[in-house]
């Protein structure tokens, strides 16, 4: 993106930004979905306790949402850093 801005092509920079945003959203949503879908299986890697299973099952959607926002923050931070 910074190369496009440096070359005086703002439309190409806008397209590059849109592409990286779509890729970031697709990748973060797919990982978040995977986290949510395996939340009941994930606990067996650590424990067989029913109480631990319940806690992990409750917290995994929160972790998935945090992953979504963290991924978007990384993408947007890279874009802003290139502009400034």
C-alpha atoms as a PDB file:
ATOM      1  CA  UNK A   1       0.000   0.000   0.000  1.00  0.00           C
ATOM      2  CA  UNK A   2       2.753   2.448   0.819  1.00  0.00           C
ATOM      3  CA  UNK A   3       4.342   1.754  -2.572  1.00  0.00           C
ATOM      4  CA  UNK A   4       1.089   2.652  -4.271  1.00  0.00           C
ATOM      5  CA  UNK A   5       0.761   5.859  -2.266  1.00  0.00           C
ATOM      6  CA  UNK A   6       4.376   6.745  -3.002  1.00  0.00           C
ATOM      7  CA  UNK A   7       3.753   6.185  -6.709  1.00  0.00           C
ATOM      8  CA  UNK A   8       0.792   8.551  -6.588  1.00  0.00           C
ATOM      9  CA  UNK A   9      -1.880   5.886  -7.092  1.00  0.00           C
ATOM     10  CA  UNK A  10      -4.418   6.341  -4.289  1.00  0.00           C
ATOM     11  CA  UNK A  11      -6.992   4.088  -5.997  1.00  0.00           C
ATOM     12  CA  UNK A  12      -4.555   1.176  -6.016  1.00  0.00           C
ATOM     13  CA  UNK A  13      -3.745   1.862  -2.342  1.00  0.00           C
ATOM     14  CA  UNK A  14      -7.466   1.832  -1.530  1.00  0.00           C
ATOM     15  CA  UNK A  15      -7.849  -1.488  -3.345  1.00  0.00           C
ATOM     16  CA  UNK A  16      -4.881  -2.946  -1.445  1.00  0.00           C
ATOM     17  CA  UNK A  17      -6.455  -1.808   1.825  1.00  0.00           C
ATOM     18  CA  UNK A  18      -9.790  -3.372   0.929  1.00  0.00           C
ATOM     19  CA  UNK A  19      -8.164  -6.647  -0.058  1.00  0.00           C
ATOM     20  CA  UNK A  20      -6.170  -6.925   3.176  1.00  0.00           C
ATOM     21  CA  UNK A  21      -9.272  -6.075   5.218  1.00  0.00           C
ATOM     22  CA  UNK A  22     -11.284  -8.817   3.498  1.00  0.00           C
ATOM     23  CA  UNK A  23      -8.467 -11.324   3.965  1.00  0.00           C
ATOM     24  CA  UNK A  24      -8.130 -10.337   7.620  1.00  0.00           C
ATOM     25  CA  UNK A  25     -11.854 -10.684   8.221  1.00  0.00           C
ATOM     26  CA  UNK A  26     -12.063 -14.051   6.456  1.00  0.00           C
ATOM     27  CA  UNK A  27      -9.094 -15.485   8.322  1.00  0.00           C
ATOM     28  CA  UNK A  28     -10.152 -14.183  11.727  1.00  0.00           C
ATOM     29  CA  UNK A  29     -13.764 -15.321  11.301  1.00  0.00           C
ATOM     30  CA  UNK A  30     -12.653 -18.794  10.235  1.00  0.00           C
ATOM     31  CA  UNK A  31     -10.322 -19.154  13.226  1.00  0.00           C
ATOM     32  CA  UNK A  32     -12.966 -17.764  15.583  1.00  0.00           C
ATOM     33  CA  UNK A  33     -15.493 -20.228  14.187  1.00  0.00           C
ATOM     34  CA  UNK A  34     -13.045 -23.082  14.668  1.00  0.00           C
ATOM     35  CA  UNK A  35     -12.456 -21.976  18.265  1.00  0.00           C
ATOM     36  CA  UNK A  36     -16.179 -21.923  18.950  1.00  0.00           C
ATOM     37  CA  UNK A  37     -16.841 -25.248  17.234  1.00  0.00           C
ATOM     38  CA  UNK A  38     -14.159 -27.161  19.175  1.00  0.00           C
ATOM     39  CA  UNK A  39     -14.798 -25.508  22.528  1.00  0.00           C
ATOM     40  CA  UNK A  40     -16.239 -28.716  23.983  1.00  0.00           C
ATOM     41  CA  UNK A  41     -13.343 -30.842  22.707  1.00  0.00           C
ATOM     42  CA  UNK A  42     -10.513 -28.451  23.564  1.00  0.00           C
ATOM     43  CA  UNK A  43     -10.734 -29.120  27.291  1.00  0.00           C
ATOM     44  CA  UNK A  44      -9.844 -32.802  26.920  1.00  0.00           C
ATOM     45  CA  UNK A  45      -6.314 -31.794  25.998  1.00  0.00           C
ATOM     46  CA  UNK A  46      -5.927 -30.508  29.561  1.00  0.00           C
ATOM     47  CA  UNK A  47      -8.420 -32.211  31.857  1.00  0.00           C
ATOM     48  CA  UNK A  48     -11.303 -34.670  32.111  1.00  0.00           C
ATOM     49  CA  UNK A  49     -13.018 -32.733  34.888  1.00  0.00           C
ATOM     50  CA  UNK A  50     -16.640 -31.738  34.175  1.00  0.00           C
ATOM     51  CA  UNK A  51     -16.261 -28.389  35.950  1.00  0.00           C
ATOM     52  CA  UNK A  52     -13.257 -27.460  33.818  1.00  0.00           C
ATOM     53  CA  UNK A  53     -15.233 -28.450  30.708  1.00  0.00           C
ATOM     54  CA  UNK A  54     -18.020 -26.041  31.654  1.00  0.00           C
ATOM     55  CA  UNK A  55     -15.624 -23.158  32.327  1.00  0.00           C
ATOM     56  CA  UNK A  56     -13.712 -23.668  29.084  1.00  0.00           C
ATOM     57  CA  UNK A  57     -16.952 -23.972  27.101  1.00  0.00           C
ATOM     58  CA  UNK A  58     -18.124 -20.650  28.525  1.00  0.00           C
ATOM     59  CA  UNK A  59     -14.884 -18.765  27.951  1.00  0.00           C
ATOM     60  CA  UNK A  60     -14.054 -19.932  24.412  1.00  0.00           C
ATOM     61  CA  UNK A  61     -16.598 -17.640  22.683  1.00  0.00           C
ATOM     62  CA  UNK A  62     -15.048 -14.706  24.546  1.00  0.00           C
ATOM     63  CA  UNK A  63     -11.616 -15.782  23.344  1.00  0.00           C
ATOM     64  CA  UNK A  64     -12.965 -16.063  19.783  1.00  0.00           C
ATOM     65  CA  UNK A  65     -14.314 -12.496  19.895  1.00  0.00           C
ATOM     66  CA  UNK A  66     -11.025 -11.256  21.358  1.00  0.00           C
ATOM     67  CA  UNK A  67      -9.182 -12.989  18.515  1.00  0.00           C
ATOM     68  CA  UNK A  68     -11.431 -11.267  15.959  1.00  0.00           C
ATOM     69  CA  UNK A  69     -10.743  -7.822  17.388  1.00  0.00           C
ATOM     70  CA  UNK A  70      -7.043  -8.505  17.835  1.00  0.00           C
ATOM     71  CA  UNK A  71      -6.685  -9.605  14.230  1.00  0.00           C
ATOM     72  CA  UNK A  72      -8.486  -6.513  12.948  1.00  0.00           C
ATOM     73  CA  UNK A  73      -6.331  -4.311  15.170  1.00  0.00           C
ATOM     74  CA  UNK A  74      -3.188  -5.837  13.687  1.00  0.00           C
ATOM     75  CA  UNK A  75      -4.406  -5.309  10.124  1.00  0.00           C
ATOM     76  CA  UNK A  76      -5.522  -1.732  10.747  1.00  0.00           C
ATOM     77  CA  UNK A  77      -2.340  -0.918  12.664  1.00  0.00           C
ATOM     78  CA  UNK A  78      -0.244  -2.039   9.701  1.00  0.00           C
ATOM     79  CA  UNK A  79      -2.333   0.049   7.313  1.00  0.00           C
ATOM     80  CA  UNK A  80      -2.127   3.192   9.448  1.00  0.00           C
ATOM     81  CA  UNK A  81       1.609   2.724   9.970  1.00  0.00           C
ATOM     82  CA  UNK A  82       2.094   2.592   6.187  1.00  0.00           C
ATOM     83  CA  UNK A  83       0.078   5.771   5.653  1.00  0.00           C
ATOM     84  CA  UNK A  84       1.811   7.790   8.339  1.00  0.00           C
END
